[in-house]
Protein backbone atom coordinates (compact mmCIF):
# COMPACT_ATOMS: atom_id res chain seq x y z
CA MET A 1 37.37 19.06 27.34
CA ALA A 2 33.69 19.93 27.50
CA GLU A 3 31.29 17.03 27.51
CA LYS A 4 29.11 16.58 24.45
CA GLU A 5 25.51 17.56 24.93
CA PRO A 6 23.13 14.59 24.69
CA VAL A 7 21.44 14.27 21.31
CA ALA A 8 17.65 14.34 21.46
CA PRO A 9 16.07 11.10 20.21
CA LYS A 10 14.03 11.03 17.01
CA VAL A 11 12.00 8.69 14.84
CA VAL A 12 13.50 8.17 11.37
CA VAL A 13 11.43 6.68 8.55
CA GLY A 14 12.29 5.79 4.96
CA VAL A 15 9.79 6.54 2.17
CA ASP A 16 9.78 5.79 -1.55
CA GLY A 17 6.24 6.64 -2.65
CA SER A 18 4.92 3.07 -2.30
CA ALA A 19 1.78 2.08 -0.39
CA THR A 20 3.82 0.12 2.15
CA ALA A 21 6.09 3.10 2.75
CA GLU A 22 2.97 5.21 3.39
CA ARG A 23 1.88 2.71 6.05
CA ALA A 24 5.34 2.88 7.61
CA LEU A 25 5.13 6.68 7.53
CA GLY A 26 1.76 6.62 9.32
CA TRP A 27 3.09 4.24 11.97
CA ALA A 28 6.24 6.36 12.44
CA ALA A 29 4.25 9.59 12.75
CA SER A 30 2.01 8.03 15.39
CA GLU A 31 5.05 6.78 17.33
CA ALA A 32 6.85 10.13 17.13
CA ALA A 33 3.78 11.96 18.42
CA ARG A 34 3.25 9.42 21.21
CA ARG A 35 6.86 9.74 22.34
CA GLY A 36 7.09 13.49 21.85
CA TRP A 37 9.99 13.06 19.40
CA PRO A 38 10.62 14.78 16.05
CA LEU A 39 10.11 12.81 12.84
CA HIS A 40 12.78 12.67 10.12
CA VAL A 41 11.50 11.49 6.72
CA ILE A 42 14.21 10.15 4.38
CA HIS A 43 13.87 9.49 0.66
CA ALA A 44 16.93 7.87 -0.94
CA LEU A 45 17.72 8.20 -4.62
CA ASP A 46 19.68 5.03 -5.25
CA MET A 47 21.30 6.14 -8.50
CA PRO A 48 23.57 3.73 -10.45
CA LEU A 49 27.27 3.66 -9.63
CA VAL A 50 29.74 4.85 -12.27
CA MET A 51 33.33 3.55 -12.22
CA SER A 52 36.13 6.07 -12.70
CA VAL A 53 39.84 5.29 -12.99
CA TYR A 54 40.72 8.39 -10.99
CA ALA A 55 37.82 8.87 -8.56
CA GLY A 56 36.69 5.26 -8.09
CA PRO A 57 32.96 4.41 -7.88
CA THR A 58 30.70 7.47 -7.88
CA ARG A 59 26.93 7.72 -8.20
CA PHE A 60 25.42 8.88 -11.47
CA PRO A 61 23.87 12.33 -10.78
CA PRO A 62 20.05 12.42 -10.92
CA SER A 63 18.39 14.40 -13.66
CA GLU A 64 16.22 17.41 -12.88
CA GLU A 65 13.13 15.30 -13.56
CA ILE A 66 14.21 12.55 -11.16
CA THR A 67 15.11 15.09 -8.48
CA ALA A 68 11.76 16.85 -8.90
CA GLN A 69 9.92 13.54 -8.56
CA ALA A 70 11.88 12.76 -5.39
CA ARG A 71 10.95 16.14 -3.96
CA ARG A 72 7.29 15.42 -4.72
CA VAL A 73 7.54 12.14 -2.79
CA LEU A 74 8.88 14.05 0.22
CA ASP A 75 6.31 16.84 -0.11
CA ARG A 76 3.44 14.32 -0.24
CA SER A 77 4.90 12.48 2.74
CA GLU A 78 5.16 15.68 4.78
CA ALA A 79 1.60 16.67 3.87
CA HIS A 80 0.37 13.23 4.92
CA VAL A 81 2.11 13.56 8.29
CA ARG A 82 0.54 17.00 8.78
CA GLU A 83 -2.89 15.45 8.24
CA LEU A 84 -2.22 12.70 10.78
CA GLU A 85 -0.28 14.66 13.42
CA PRO A 86 -0.61 18.44 12.85
CA GLU A 87 1.59 19.38 15.84
CA LEU A 88 4.46 17.03 14.99
CA TRP A 89 7.87 18.48 14.12
CA VAL A 90 8.88 17.04 10.73
CA GLU A 91 12.12 17.23 8.76
CA THR A 92 12.53 15.82 5.25
CA VAL A 93 15.82 14.69 3.69
CA LEU A 94 16.70 13.75 0.11
CA ALA A 95 19.70 11.38 0.16
CA LEU A 96 21.78 10.37 -2.86
CA GLU A 97 22.69 6.85 -1.74
CA ASP A 98 21.21 3.42 -1.23
CA PRO A 99 18.19 3.37 1.14
CA ALA A 100 19.74 1.25 3.89
CA LYS A 101 22.92 3.36 4.00
CA ALA A 102 20.89 6.57 3.93
CA LEU A 103 18.98 5.50 7.03
CA LEU A 104 21.99 4.01 8.85
CA LYS A 105 23.96 7.25 8.45
CA ARG A 106 21.18 9.32 10.02
CA ILE A 107 20.30 7.35 13.15
CA GLY A 108 21.81 7.26 16.63
CA PRO A 109 21.60 4.82 19.57
CA GLN A 110 18.59 6.58 21.14
CA ASP A 111 16.50 6.72 17.96
CA LEU A 112 13.87 4.49 16.41
CA VAL A 113 14.10 3.73 12.68
CA VAL A 114 11.06 2.61 10.68
CA THR A 115 10.77 1.14 7.19
CA GLY A 116 8.21 -0.69 5.09
CA SER A 117 8.59 -4.39 4.38
CA ARG A 118 8.18 -3.90 0.61
CA GLY A 119 8.80 -0.78 -1.42
CA LEU A 120 8.75 0.11 -5.10
CA GLY A 121 11.57 -2.39 -5.60
CA ALA A 122 9.41 -5.38 -4.67
CA ALA A 123 10.82 -7.41 -7.55
CA ARG A 124 14.23 -7.11 -5.85
CA SER A 125 12.92 -8.01 -2.40
CA ALA A 126 14.90 -11.19 -2.02
CA LEU A 127 16.41 -11.73 1.42
CA GLU A 128 19.73 -10.14 0.59
CA SER A 129 18.20 -6.94 -0.80
CA SER A 130 15.60 -6.25 1.88
CA VAL A 131 16.22 -2.85 3.48
CA GLY A 132 14.48 -3.97 6.66
CA VAL A 133 16.73 -7.00 7.10
CA ARG A 134 19.87 -4.97 6.45
CA LEU A 135 18.82 -2.35 8.98
CA ALA A 136 17.92 -4.97 11.56
CA ALA A 137 21.38 -6.50 11.22
CA ARG A 138 23.38 -3.29 11.42
CA ALA A 139 21.46 -0.43 13.07
CA ALA A 140 22.51 1.11 16.38
CA CYS A 141 18.89 1.47 17.52
CA PRO A 142 15.63 -0.51 17.43
CA VAL A 143 14.28 -1.14 13.91
CA THR A 144 10.57 -1.44 13.15
CA VAL A 145 9.50 -3.02 9.86
CA VAL A 146 5.87 -2.30 8.91
CA GLN A 147 4.14 -4.92 6.80
CA ALA A 148 2.12 -4.33 3.64
CA GLY A 149 -1.63 -3.91 3.97
CA GLU A 150 -4.56 -1.56 3.54
CA GLY A 151 -4.37 2.10 4.59
CA SER A 152 -2.01 3.84 7.02
CA VAL A 153 -0.99 2.16 10.25
CA VAL A 154 -1.56 4.49 13.21
CA THR A 155 -2.47 2.04 15.98
CA ALA A 156 -0.33 2.41 19.09
CA PRO A 157 1.28 -0.92 20.06
CA ARG A 158 -0.99 -1.84 22.97
CA ARG A 159 -0.69 -5.65 22.74
CA ILE A 160 2.91 -6.67 22.12
CA VAL A 161 4.24 -10.18 21.50
CA VAL A 162 7.91 -10.81 22.31
CA GLY A 163 10.07 -13.88 21.69
CA VAL A 164 12.48 -15.10 24.37
CA ASP A 165 15.06 -17.89 24.53
CA GLY A 166 17.07 -17.01 27.63
CA SER A 167 19.80 -15.14 25.73
CA ASP A 168 20.96 -11.61 26.53
CA TYR A 169 19.46 -10.48 23.22
CA SER A 170 16.03 -11.80 24.11
CA ARG A 171 16.28 -10.18 27.56
CA ASP A 172 16.81 -6.86 25.80
CA ALA A 173 13.79 -7.58 23.60
CA LEU A 174 11.64 -8.43 26.64
CA ASP A 175 12.73 -5.26 28.44
CA PHE A 176 11.93 -3.18 25.34
CA ALA A 177 8.51 -4.80 24.93
CA LEU A 178 7.56 -4.20 28.57
CA ARG A 179 8.59 -0.55 28.43
CA GLU A 180 6.75 0.02 25.17
CA ALA A 181 3.59 -1.51 26.62
CA ALA A 182 4.00 0.68 29.71
CA ARG A 183 3.71 3.77 27.49
CA VAL A 184 0.12 2.92 26.54
CA GLU A 185 -2.87 2.72 28.85
CA GLY A 186 -3.92 -0.92 29.09
CA GLY A 187 -0.71 -2.13 27.46
CA SER A 188 0.09 -5.83 27.70
CA VAL A 189 2.85 -8.22 26.67
CA VAL A 190 2.65 -11.84 25.53
CA VAL A 191 5.95 -13.64 26.17
CA VAL A 192 6.49 -16.50 23.71
CA HIS A 193 9.01 -19.33 24.00
CA GLY A 194 9.03 -22.06 21.39
CA TRP A 195 11.47 -24.86 22.15
CA ARG A 196 11.14 -27.26 19.21
CA VAL A 197 14.44 -29.15 19.06
CA PRO A 198 15.75 -29.92 15.53
CA LEU A 199 16.44 -33.64 15.18
CA PRO A 200 19.33 -35.20 13.23
CA PHE A 201 17.05 -37.98 11.91
CA ASP A 202 13.44 -38.46 10.94
CA ALA A 203 11.22 -38.26 14.03
CA GLU A 204 9.20 -41.35 13.06
CA SER A 205 12.37 -43.42 12.64
CA LEU A 206 13.61 -42.32 16.06
CA ALA A 207 10.26 -43.18 17.63
CA GLU A 208 10.34 -46.67 16.09
CA ALA A 209 13.79 -47.11 17.62
CA GLY A 210 12.35 -46.36 21.06
CA TRP A 211 13.53 -42.75 21.43
CA SER A 212 11.16 -40.04 22.62
CA PRO A 213 11.91 -36.34 23.16
CA PRO A 214 12.33 -35.17 26.79
CA ASP A 215 9.19 -33.02 26.65
CA ASP A 216 8.74 -32.78 30.42
CA LEU A 217 12.32 -31.64 30.94
CA LEU A 218 12.14 -29.07 28.15
CA ASP A 219 8.83 -27.76 29.46
CA GLN A 220 10.26 -27.42 32.97
CA ARG A 221 13.36 -25.60 31.73
CA SER A 222 11.17 -23.27 29.67
CA GLN A 223 9.03 -22.41 32.68
CA VAL A 224 12.06 -21.66 34.86
CA MET A 225 13.76 -19.59 32.17
CA VAL A 226 10.75 -17.39 31.44
CA SER A 227 10.01 -16.86 35.15
CA GLU A 228 13.60 -15.88 35.89
CA MET A 229 13.68 -13.43 32.98
CA LEU A 230 10.48 -11.71 34.11
CA ASP A 231 11.67 -11.53 37.73
CA ARG A 232 14.93 -9.89 36.65
CA ILE A 233 13.44 -7.38 34.23
CA LYS A 234 10.12 -6.16 35.62
CA ASP A 235 10.44 -3.02 37.76
CA GLU A 236 8.30 -0.15 39.08
CA GLU A 237 7.93 1.33 35.58
CA THR A 238 6.57 -1.88 34.08
CA ALA A 239 4.91 -3.48 37.12
CA HIS A 240 1.41 -2.52 35.91
CA VAL A 241 1.86 -4.12 32.46
CA GLY A 242 -0.25 -7.23 32.01
CA VAL A 243 1.87 -10.24 31.07
CA ALA A 244 0.76 -13.56 29.54
CA VAL A 245 3.14 -16.42 28.76
CA VAL A 246 2.95 -18.85 25.84
CA ARG A 247 5.35 -21.78 26.10
CA VAL A 248 4.99 -24.35 23.37
CA ASP A 249 6.79 -27.27 21.76
CA ALA A 250 6.95 -25.58 18.36
CA ASP A 251 9.36 -23.87 16.02
CA PRO A 252 10.11 -20.41 17.53
CA THR A 253 9.28 -18.58 14.31
CA ASP A 254 5.96 -20.41 13.92
CA ALA A 255 5.07 -19.73 17.56
CA LEU A 256 5.83 -16.00 17.26
CA VAL A 257 4.02 -15.50 13.96
CA GLU A 258 0.93 -17.32 15.26
CA ALA A 259 0.85 -15.47 18.59
CA GLY A 260 1.49 -12.14 16.86
CA ALA A 261 -1.26 -12.47 14.26
CA THR A 262 -3.70 -10.56 16.48
CA ALA A 263 -1.13 -8.33 18.21
CA ASP A 264 -0.16 -4.74 17.46
CA MET A 265 3.56 -5.50 17.28
CA ILE A 266 6.07 -8.36 17.54
CA VAL A 267 9.45 -7.75 19.19
CA VAL A 268 12.50 -9.97 18.66
CA GLY A 269 16.17 -9.73 19.54
CA SER A 270 18.97 -10.26 17.03
CA ARG A 271 21.75 -12.73 17.57
CA GLY A 272 23.30 -11.98 14.18
CA ARG A 273 27.07 -12.46 13.83
CA GLY A 274 27.74 -9.92 11.13
CA SER A 275 26.39 -7.58 8.51
CA VAL A 276 26.98 -9.12 5.07
CA ARG A 277 23.90 -7.69 3.33
CA GLY A 278 21.79 -8.70 6.33
CA LEU A 279 22.21 -12.42 5.71
CA LEU A 280 23.64 -13.07 9.16
CA LEU A 281 20.66 -11.76 11.07
CA GLY A 282 19.32 -14.48 13.37
CA SER A 283 17.17 -17.04 11.59
CA VAL A 284 14.17 -16.49 13.89
CA SER A 285 14.33 -12.72 13.39
CA GLN A 286 14.55 -13.20 9.62
CA GLY A 287 11.65 -15.64 9.61
CA VAL A 288 9.41 -13.34 11.65
CA LEU A 289 10.29 -10.30 9.51
CA HIS A 290 9.28 -12.11 6.32
CA ARG A 291 6.16 -13.87 7.62
CA ALA A 292 4.53 -11.56 10.16
CA THR A 293 1.41 -9.56 9.26
CA VAL A 294 1.93 -6.86 11.92
CA PRO A 295 4.83 -4.43 12.55
CA VAL A 296 7.98 -6.19 13.80
CA THR A 297 10.60 -4.46 15.95
CA VAL A 298 14.09 -5.95 16.02
CA LEU A 299 16.72 -5.00 18.57
CA PRO A 300 19.97 -5.32 16.62
CA LYS A 301 23.28 -6.56 17.99
CA ALA A 302 24.57 -2.98 18.39
CA VAL A 303 21.68 -2.15 20.76
CA HIS A 304 22.73 -4.99 23.08
CA LYS A 305 26.31 -3.66 23.20
CA ARG A 306 25.30 -0.30 24.68
């Protein structure tokens, strides 16, 4: 049997006509051009489901007006990409399904998928309905969620913050961050480890009882862990990347959000245990996705399995 030819990687981005989606589109176009990959622009028409005794659940077909509006969203998106990156190869797709499923069906392990943190359905942007969270829990490739803000995001990720905790998932995140920084001249990585230990009782009550946290031991373990991870991961390709380390007795999410406030991108690994509407994505990854002010890239569980 003949071997399958390798599939060329691509950047896939979801759009819905919102300002945040336009920022995600700008970021995705910049990344596709920087990598030399094609850009696939997906607009999903999430039409209501209709129950049928014979056929089961089927989607209500869009009207001509709705379809025409969807095509206009794609046409405007393509025109915007042409303004930003005239030489970029662009393909547009109109999908008749829910946005997360539309993107998941069209990505492969070598791709990068990009979405905005808030779309036109902002009123439905509770944790369980966030497209970004669902993608980050289930995708087979890295997922970048671009935050809301002013204008289009086209800045290459030169200063990257990455969270580590010694797990295999965070090693993957560190490796990804180093290689992304290596793509850009002057790229650098800030490695963040927050080790705040949750206590079963009130900290003041414990202190009054004579207990104090083993700060020196935790600090020492943090130093050893981060050093070992860097020694194992850095190679000839990433040797020139500048690396700074932030180790702090703080909640990991707080530490990452603070360190990433002035960065170009935050990278985190997922230790999620499932895919029930994205709710089982790791708590730190969820917290960073919902609080960060810069693009966040999550390496889902499926990426680690490759």
